[in-house]
Amino acid sequence: MAAERRGPRLLIVPAADRCLGWALRAANGRPLGVGVRTYRNEEELADAVRELLIERAALRCSVGQSEGPSKGRQWAWAAYLPVRSTRPGAADAVPVARSARGYLRRDQCQAGVEGFLAGLQWVGQELRRSGRDGRRPL
């Protein structure tokens, strides 16, 4: 019997108004990142995740500090896919993913970005290795 490979996994996360979102978790359950948008159904969610996995090499991540309620300044990251529209205002990129938590130091936040990107890489390789087309990657 072949041993099951353990690694990061994408999870479906219930959101407000009967919508769905996604979260990327490490093999030990530690959150690596979460999706920013929510989706009306599993098909929309699967399409968005498939695009994220296919286009992961084009992701651009930014790291910054924000003021949190009662937690002081914390570092967080956001990941953006390239804008693919020429309509006015389309250059205002909206993140597709963000850190699942705040970090105390910039270097910890940067390590969080690297963990997220490595997790996406692993999930993408596992889907390819298993022969799944990504229709239902979660």
N, C-alpha and C. Protein backbone atom coordinates (compact mmCIF):
# COMPACT_ATOMS: atom_id res chain seq x y z
N MET A 1 0.85 -1.17 0.00
CA MET A 1 0.00 0.00 0.00
C MET A 1 0.90 1.24 0.00
N ALA A 2 0.66 2.17 -0.91
CA ALA A 2 1.48 3.38 -1.02
C ALA A 2 1.11 4.35 0.10
N ALA A 3 2.13 4.98 0.65
CA ALA A 3 1.90 5.97 1.70
C ALA A 3 1.36 7.25 1.07
N GLU A 4 0.39 7.85 1.73
CA GLU A 4 -0.19 9.10 1.26
C GLU A 4 0.77 10.24 1.55
N ARG A 5 1.00 11.09 0.56
CA ARG A 5 1.88 12.24 0.73
C ARG A 5 1.14 13.31 1.52
N ARG A 6 1.81 13.84 2.53
CA ARG A 6 1.19 14.91 3.32
C ARG A 6 1.87 16.21 2.99
N GLY A 7 1.08 17.21 2.83
CA GLY A 7 1.61 18.53 2.54
C GLY A 7 0.50 19.55 2.69
N PRO A 8 0.74 20.75 2.23
CA PRO A 8 -0.29 21.79 2.32
C PRO A 8 -1.55 21.36 1.58
N ARG A 9 -2.67 21.94 2.00
CA ARG A 9 -3.93 21.63 1.32
C ARG A 9 -4.82 22.87 1.30
N LEU A 10 -5.63 22.92 0.26
CA LEU A 10 -6.61 23.98 0.12
C LEU A 10 -7.92 23.51 0.73
N LEU A 11 -8.52 24.36 1.53
CA LEU A 11 -9.78 24.04 2.19
C LEU A 11 -10.88 25.00 1.77
N ILE A 12 -12.09 24.49 1.68
CA ILE A 12 -13.25 25.34 1.46
C ILE A 12 -13.66 25.92 2.80
N VAL A 13 -13.90 27.23 2.83
CA VAL A 13 -14.25 27.93 4.06
C VAL A 13 -15.61 28.60 3.88
N PRO A 14 -16.59 28.28 4.72
CA PRO A 14 -17.89 28.96 4.62
C PRO A 14 -17.72 30.45 4.91
N ALA A 15 -18.46 31.27 4.16
CA ALA A 15 -18.40 32.72 4.34
C ALA A 15 -19.83 33.25 4.52
N ALA A 16 -19.95 34.54 4.69
CA ALA A 16 -21.26 35.17 4.90
C ALA A 16 -22.16 34.98 3.68
N ASP A 17 -23.44 35.08 3.90
CA ASP A 17 -24.46 35.02 2.84
C ASP A 17 -24.38 33.74 2.02
N ARG A 18 -24.07 32.61 2.66
CA ARG A 18 -24.03 31.30 2.01
C ARG A 18 -22.99 31.22 0.91
N CYS A 19 -21.97 32.05 0.99
CA CYS A 19 -20.89 32.04 0.02
C CYS A 19 -19.76 31.15 0.53
N LEU A 20 -18.76 30.96 -0.33
CA LEU A 20 -17.62 30.12 0.00
C LEU A 20 -16.32 30.87 -0.24
N GLY A 21 -15.31 30.52 0.52
CA GLY A 21 -13.98 31.04 0.32
C GLY A 21 -12.99 29.89 0.41
N TRP A 22 -11.72 30.20 0.39
CA TRP A 22 -10.70 29.16 0.51
C TRP A 22 -9.60 29.59 1.47
N ALA A 23 -8.92 28.60 2.00
CA ALA A 23 -7.77 28.83 2.87
C ALA A 23 -6.72 27.78 2.53
N LEU A 24 -5.46 28.18 2.58
CA LEU A 24 -4.34 27.26 2.36
C LEU A 24 -3.73 26.97 3.72
N ARG A 25 -3.66 25.69 4.07
CA ARG A 25 -3.11 25.26 5.36
C ARG A 25 -1.90 24.37 5.13
N ALA A 26 -0.92 24.50 6.01
CA ALA A 26 0.25 23.62 5.99
C ALA A 26 -0.18 22.23 6.46
N ALA A 27 0.67 21.25 6.27
CA ALA A 27 0.36 19.88 6.68
C ALA A 27 0.05 19.80 8.18
N ASN A 28 0.66 20.68 8.96
CA ASN A 28 0.42 20.67 10.41
C ASN A 28 -0.79 21.51 10.82
N GLY A 29 -1.53 22.04 9.83
CA GLY A 29 -2.74 22.81 10.11
C GLY A 29 -2.51 24.30 10.25
N ARG A 30 -1.25 24.74 10.23
CA ARG A 30 -0.94 26.16 10.36
C ARG A 30 -1.46 26.91 9.13
N PRO A 31 -2.14 28.04 9.32
CA PRO A 31 -2.65 28.79 8.17
C PRO A 31 -1.51 29.44 7.39
N LEU A 32 -1.52 29.25 6.06
CA LEU A 32 -0.51 29.85 5.19
C LEU A 32 -1.06 31.09 4.47
N GLY A 33 -2.34 31.12 4.21
CA GLY A 33 -2.96 32.25 3.55
C GLY A 33 -4.43 31.98 3.32
N VAL A 34 -5.17 33.03 2.99
CA VAL A 34 -6.60 32.91 2.72
C VAL A 34 -6.95 33.70 1.48
N GLY A 35 -8.01 33.26 0.82
CA GLY A 35 -8.51 33.99 -0.33
C GLY A 35 -9.20 35.26 0.12
N VAL A 36 -9.17 36.27 -0.72
CA VAL A 36 -9.78 37.56 -0.38
C VAL A 36 -11.26 37.58 -0.78
N ARG A 37 -11.57 37.05 -1.95
CA ARG A 37 -12.94 37.05 -2.45
C ARG A 37 -13.75 35.89 -1.90
N THR A 38 -15.05 36.01 -2.01
CA THR A 38 -15.94 34.89 -1.73
C THR A 38 -16.69 34.54 -3.02
N TYR A 39 -17.23 33.33 -3.09
CA TYR A 39 -17.84 32.82 -4.31
C TYR A 39 -19.21 32.25 -3.99
N ARG A 40 -20.10 32.32 -4.98
CA ARG A 40 -21.49 31.90 -4.77
C ARG A 40 -21.65 30.39 -4.70
N ASN A 41 -20.75 29.65 -5.34
CA ASN A 41 -20.88 28.19 -5.35
C ASN A 41 -19.51 27.55 -5.55
N GLU A 42 -19.48 26.22 -5.44
CA GLU A 42 -18.22 25.49 -5.55
C GLU A 42 -17.61 25.60 -6.94
N GLU A 43 -18.43 25.70 -7.97
CA GLU A 43 -17.90 25.82 -9.34
C GLU A 43 -17.12 27.13 -9.51
N GLU A 44 -17.69 28.25 -9.04
CA GLU A 44 -16.99 29.54 -9.10
C GLU A 44 -15.69 29.48 -8.30
N LEU A 45 -15.76 28.88 -7.13
CA LEU A 45 -14.59 28.75 -6.27
C LEU A 45 -13.52 27.91 -6.96
N ALA A 46 -13.91 26.78 -7.54
CA ALA A 46 -12.95 25.90 -8.23
C ALA A 46 -12.29 26.63 -9.41
N ASP A 47 -13.07 27.43 -10.15
CA ASP A 47 -12.50 28.19 -11.27
C ASP A 47 -11.45 29.18 -10.78
N ALA A 48 -11.76 29.88 -9.69
CA ALA A 48 -10.82 30.87 -9.14
C ALA A 48 -9.55 30.20 -8.61
N VAL A 49 -9.71 29.08 -7.94
CA VAL A 49 -8.54 28.37 -7.41
C VAL A 49 -7.70 27.81 -8.55
N ARG A 50 -8.35 27.28 -9.58
CA ARG A 50 -7.62 26.77 -10.74
C ARG A 50 -6.80 27.89 -11.37
N GLU A 51 -7.40 29.08 -11.53
CA GLU A 51 -6.66 30.21 -12.10
C GLU A 51 -5.47 30.57 -11.20
N LEU A 52 -5.68 30.59 -9.90
CA LEU A 52 -4.61 30.91 -8.96
C LEU A 52 -3.45 29.92 -9.09
N LEU A 53 -3.78 28.64 -9.18
CA LEU A 53 -2.73 27.62 -9.28
C LEU A 53 -2.00 27.70 -10.62
N ILE A 54 -2.74 27.94 -11.69
CA ILE A 54 -2.12 28.03 -13.01
C ILE A 54 -1.24 29.27 -13.11
N GLU A 55 -1.70 30.38 -12.56
CA GLU A 55 -1.01 31.66 -12.69
C GLU A 55 -0.11 31.98 -11.49
N ARG A 56 0.17 31.02 -10.63
CA ARG A 56 0.91 31.30 -9.40
C ARG A 56 2.29 31.90 -9.65
N ALA A 57 2.91 31.59 -10.76
CA ALA A 57 4.23 32.16 -11.06
C ALA A 57 4.14 33.67 -11.32
N ALA A 58 2.95 34.15 -11.70
CA ALA A 58 2.77 35.58 -11.98
C ALA A 58 2.34 36.37 -10.75
N LEU A 59 2.12 35.69 -9.62
CA LEU A 59 1.70 36.40 -8.40
C LEU A 59 2.76 37.41 -7.97
N ARG A 60 2.31 38.56 -7.56
CA ARG A 60 3.18 39.58 -6.99
C ARG A 60 2.70 39.83 -5.57
N CYS A 61 3.61 39.75 -4.63
CA CYS A 61 3.24 39.90 -3.23
C CYS A 61 3.80 41.19 -2.67
N SER A 62 3.01 41.83 -1.84
CA SER A 62 3.46 43.04 -1.16
C SER A 62 3.37 42.81 0.35
N VAL A 63 4.28 43.41 1.05
CA VAL A 63 4.35 43.29 2.51
C VAL A 63 4.21 44.70 3.08
N GLY A 64 3.40 44.84 4.11
CA GLY A 64 3.23 46.15 4.71
C GLY A 64 2.75 46.04 6.15
N GLN A 65 2.76 47.18 6.81
CA GLN A 65 2.32 47.24 8.20
C GLN A 65 0.95 47.89 8.28
N SER A 66 0.17 47.39 9.21
CA SER A 66 -1.15 47.99 9.44
C SER A 66 -1.38 48.12 10.93
N GLU A 67 -2.28 48.99 11.28
CA GLU A 67 -2.64 49.20 12.68
C GLU A 67 -3.83 48.30 12.99
N GLY A 68 -3.64 47.38 13.91
CA GLY A 68 -4.72 46.47 14.28
C GLY A 68 -5.37 46.93 15.57
N PRO A 69 -6.65 46.59 15.76
CA PRO A 69 -7.32 46.97 17.00
C PRO A 69 -6.70 46.24 18.19
N SER A 70 -6.16 46.96 19.09
CA SER A 70 -5.57 46.48 20.35
C SER A 70 -4.34 45.59 20.17
N LYS A 71 -3.90 45.36 18.95
CA LYS A 71 -2.72 44.52 18.73
C LYS A 71 -1.50 45.33 18.29
N GLY A 72 -1.66 46.62 18.11
CA GLY A 72 -0.54 47.43 17.66
C GLY A 72 -0.26 47.20 16.18
N ARG A 73 0.89 47.69 15.75
CA ARG A 73 1.26 47.55 14.35
C ARG A 73 1.70 46.12 14.06
N GLN A 74 1.13 45.55 13.01
CA GLN A 74 1.49 44.21 12.60
C GLN A 74 1.80 44.19 11.11
N TRP A 75 2.65 43.27 10.73
CA TRP A 75 3.00 43.08 9.33
C TRP A 75 2.02 42.10 8.71
N ALA A 76 1.66 42.36 7.45
CA ALA A 76 0.76 41.48 6.71
C ALA A 76 1.20 41.50 5.24
N TRP A 77 0.80 40.50 4.50
CA TRP A 77 1.11 40.46 3.08
C TRP A 77 -0.17 40.28 2.27
N ALA A 78 -0.10 40.62 1.00
CA ALA A 78 -1.19 40.42 0.05
C ALA A 78 -0.58 39.95 -1.26
N ALA A 79 -1.29 39.08 -1.97
CA ALA A 79 -0.83 38.55 -3.26
C ALA A 79 -1.79 39.00 -4.36
N TYR A 80 -1.20 39.45 -5.46
CA TYR A 80 -1.96 40.00 -6.58
C TYR A 80 -1.64 39.25 -7.86
N LEU A 81 -2.67 38.99 -8.67
CA LEU A 81 -2.47 38.49 -10.02
C LEU A 81 -2.45 39.69 -10.95
N PRO A 82 -1.77 39.59 -12.09
CA PRO A 82 -1.75 40.73 -13.02
C PRO A 82 -3.16 41.09 -13.50
N VAL A 83 -3.40 42.37 -13.66
CA VAL A 83 -4.69 42.86 -14.17
C VAL A 83 -4.74 42.55 -15.66
N ARG A 84 -5.87 42.03 -16.11
CA ARG A 84 -6.01 41.64 -17.52
C ARG A 84 -7.12 42.41 -18.21
N SER A 85 -7.21 43.68 -17.93
CA SER A 85 -8.27 44.48 -18.53
C SER A 85 -7.72 45.83 -18.92
N THR A 86 -8.28 46.40 -19.97
CA THR A 86 -7.88 47.74 -20.39
C THR A 86 -8.93 48.78 -20.02
N ARG A 87 -9.99 48.35 -19.32
CA ARG A 87 -11.03 49.30 -18.96
C ARG A 87 -10.51 50.28 -17.90
N PRO A 88 -11.04 51.51 -17.88
CA PRO A 88 -10.59 52.50 -16.89
C PRO A 88 -10.77 51.98 -15.47
N GLY A 89 -9.80 52.22 -14.64
CA GLY A 89 -9.87 51.80 -13.25
C GLY A 89 -9.41 50.38 -13.02
N ALA A 90 -9.14 49.62 -14.09
CA ALA A 90 -8.74 48.22 -13.94
C ALA A 90 -7.33 48.10 -13.36
N ALA A 91 -6.56 49.15 -13.44
CA ALA A 91 -5.20 49.09 -12.91
C ALA A 91 -5.17 49.04 -11.39
N ASP A 92 -6.31 49.33 -10.76
CA ASP A 92 -6.39 49.23 -9.31
C ASP A 92 -6.50 47.76 -8.93
N ALA A 93 -5.36 47.14 -8.73
CA ALA A 93 -5.32 45.71 -8.46
C ALA A 93 -5.97 45.39 -7.11
N VAL A 94 -6.69 44.30 -7.09
CA VAL A 94 -7.31 43.81 -5.87
C VAL A 94 -6.61 42.50 -5.53
N PRO A 95 -6.21 42.31 -4.29
CA PRO A 95 -5.50 41.07 -3.96
C PRO A 95 -6.40 39.85 -4.10
N VAL A 96 -5.77 38.72 -4.45
CA VAL A 96 -6.50 37.46 -4.53
C VAL A 96 -6.30 36.64 -3.26
N ALA A 97 -5.23 36.95 -2.52
CA ALA A 97 -4.94 36.23 -1.27
C ALA A 97 -4.26 37.20 -0.31
N ARG A 98 -4.30 36.82 0.96
CA ARG A 98 -3.65 37.64 1.99
C ARG A 98 -3.17 36.74 3.11
N SER A 99 -2.36 37.31 3.97
CA SER A 99 -1.89 36.54 5.12
C SER A 99 -3.07 36.19 6.01
N ALA A 100 -2.98 35.03 6.62
CA ALA A 100 -4.06 34.57 7.48
C ALA A 100 -3.95 35.15 8.88
N ARG A 101 -2.83 35.80 9.15
CA ARG A 101 -2.61 36.40 10.47
C ARG A 101 -1.63 37.54 10.32
N GLY A 102 -1.47 38.31 11.40
CA GLY A 102 -0.48 39.37 11.43
C GLY A 102 0.83 38.86 11.98
N TYR A 103 1.92 39.51 11.61
CA TYR A 103 3.26 39.13 12.06
C TYR A 103 3.88 40.29 12.83
N LEU A 104 4.71 39.98 13.80
CA LEU A 104 5.35 41.01 14.60
C LEU A 104 6.51 41.67 13.88
N ARG A 105 7.19 40.91 13.01
CA ARG A 105 8.36 41.45 12.31
C ARG A 105 8.23 41.25 10.81
N ARG A 106 8.91 42.13 10.09
CA ARG A 106 8.88 42.07 8.62
C ARG A 106 9.44 40.76 8.10
N ASP A 107 10.54 40.28 8.67
CA ASP A 107 11.15 39.05 8.18
C ASP A 107 10.22 37.85 8.40
N GLN A 108 9.44 37.85 9.48
CA GLN A 108 8.48 36.78 9.70
C GLN A 108 7.38 36.83 8.63
N CYS A 109 6.96 38.03 8.29
CA CYS A 109 5.93 38.22 7.27
C CYS A 109 6.45 37.73 5.92
N GLN A 110 7.68 38.09 5.60
CA GLN A 110 8.28 37.65 4.33
C GLN A 110 8.38 36.12 4.30
N ALA A 111 8.71 35.50 5.43
CA ALA A 111 8.75 34.04 5.51
C ALA A 111 7.34 33.47 5.30
N GLY A 112 6.32 34.18 5.77
CA GLY A 112 4.94 33.76 5.54
C GLY A 112 4.58 33.78 4.06
N VAL A 113 5.04 34.80 3.34
CA VAL A 113 4.84 34.88 1.89
C VAL A 113 5.48 33.67 1.22
N GLU A 114 6.71 33.39 1.60
CA GLU A 114 7.44 32.27 0.99
C GLU A 114 6.76 30.94 1.29
N GLY A 115 6.24 30.78 2.51
CA GLY A 115 5.50 29.57 2.85
C GLY A 115 4.23 29.42 2.03
N PHE A 116 3.53 30.52 1.82
CA PHE A 116 2.31 30.51 1.02
C PHE A 116 2.63 30.10 -0.42
N LEU A 117 3.65 30.73 -1.01
CA LEU A 117 4.01 30.42 -2.39
C LEU A 117 4.48 28.98 -2.54
N ALA A 118 5.24 28.50 -1.58
CA ALA A 118 5.69 27.10 -1.60
C ALA A 118 4.49 26.16 -1.46
N GLY A 119 3.53 26.52 -0.63
CA GLY A 119 2.33 25.71 -0.46
C GLY A 119 1.52 25.62 -1.74
N LEU A 120 1.37 26.76 -2.44
CA LEU A 120 0.67 26.75 -3.72
C LEU A 120 1.40 25.86 -4.72
N GLN A 121 2.72 25.96 -4.73
CA GLN A 121 3.53 25.13 -5.63
C GLN A 121 3.28 23.65 -5.35
N TRP A 122 3.29 23.27 -4.08
CA TRP A 122 3.09 21.88 -3.69
C TRP A 122 1.72 21.38 -4.11
N VAL A 123 0.69 22.18 -3.84
CA VAL A 123 -0.68 21.80 -4.20
C VAL A 123 -0.80 21.64 -5.71
N GLY A 124 -0.23 22.57 -6.47
CA GLY A 124 -0.27 22.48 -7.92
C GLY A 124 0.42 21.23 -8.44
N GLN A 125 1.56 20.89 -7.87
CA GLN A 125 2.29 19.69 -8.29
C GLN A 125 1.51 18.42 -7.93
N GLU A 126 0.88 18.41 -6.77
CA GLU A 126 0.09 17.25 -6.36
C GLU A 126 -1.11 17.04 -7.29
N LEU A 127 -1.75 18.12 -7.70
CA LEU A 127 -2.88 17.98 -8.62
C LEU A 127 -2.40 17.42 -9.95
N ARG A 128 -1.26 17.92 -10.43
CA ARG A 128 -0.71 17.43 -11.68
C ARG A 128 -0.30 15.96 -11.55
N ARG A 129 0.35 15.61 -10.43
CA ARG A 129 0.81 14.25 -10.19
C ARG A 129 -0.38 13.27 -10.10
N SER A 130 -1.48 13.72 -9.49
CA SER A 130 -2.64 12.84 -9.32
C SER A 130 -3.48 12.73 -10.60
N GLY A 131 -3.15 13.58 -11.60
CA GLY A 131 -3.89 13.54 -12.87
C GLY A 131 -5.22 14.25 -12.83
N ARG A 132 -5.49 14.97 -11.75
CA ARG A 132 -6.75 15.72 -11.66
C ARG A 132 -6.61 16.98 -12.49
N ASP A 133 -7.69 17.39 -13.11
CA ASP A 133 -7.65 18.57 -13.96
C ASP A 133 -7.86 19.86 -13.18
N GLY A 134 -8.06 19.76 -11.88
CA GLY A 134 -8.26 20.96 -11.07
C GLY A 134 -9.70 21.41 -11.03
N ARG A 135 -10.62 20.66 -11.63
CA ARG A 135 -12.03 21.05 -11.59
C ARG A 135 -12.52 21.18 -10.15
N ARG A 136 -12.08 20.26 -9.30
CA ARG A 136 -12.46 20.32 -7.89
C ARG A 136 -11.19 20.14 -7.07
N PRO A 137 -10.35 21.18 -7.00
CA PRO A 137 -9.04 21.02 -6.36
C PRO A 137 -9.09 20.98 -4.85
N LEU A 138 -10.18 21.29 -4.24
CA LEU A 138 -10.22 21.39 -2.79
C LEU A 138 -10.61 20.09 -2.15
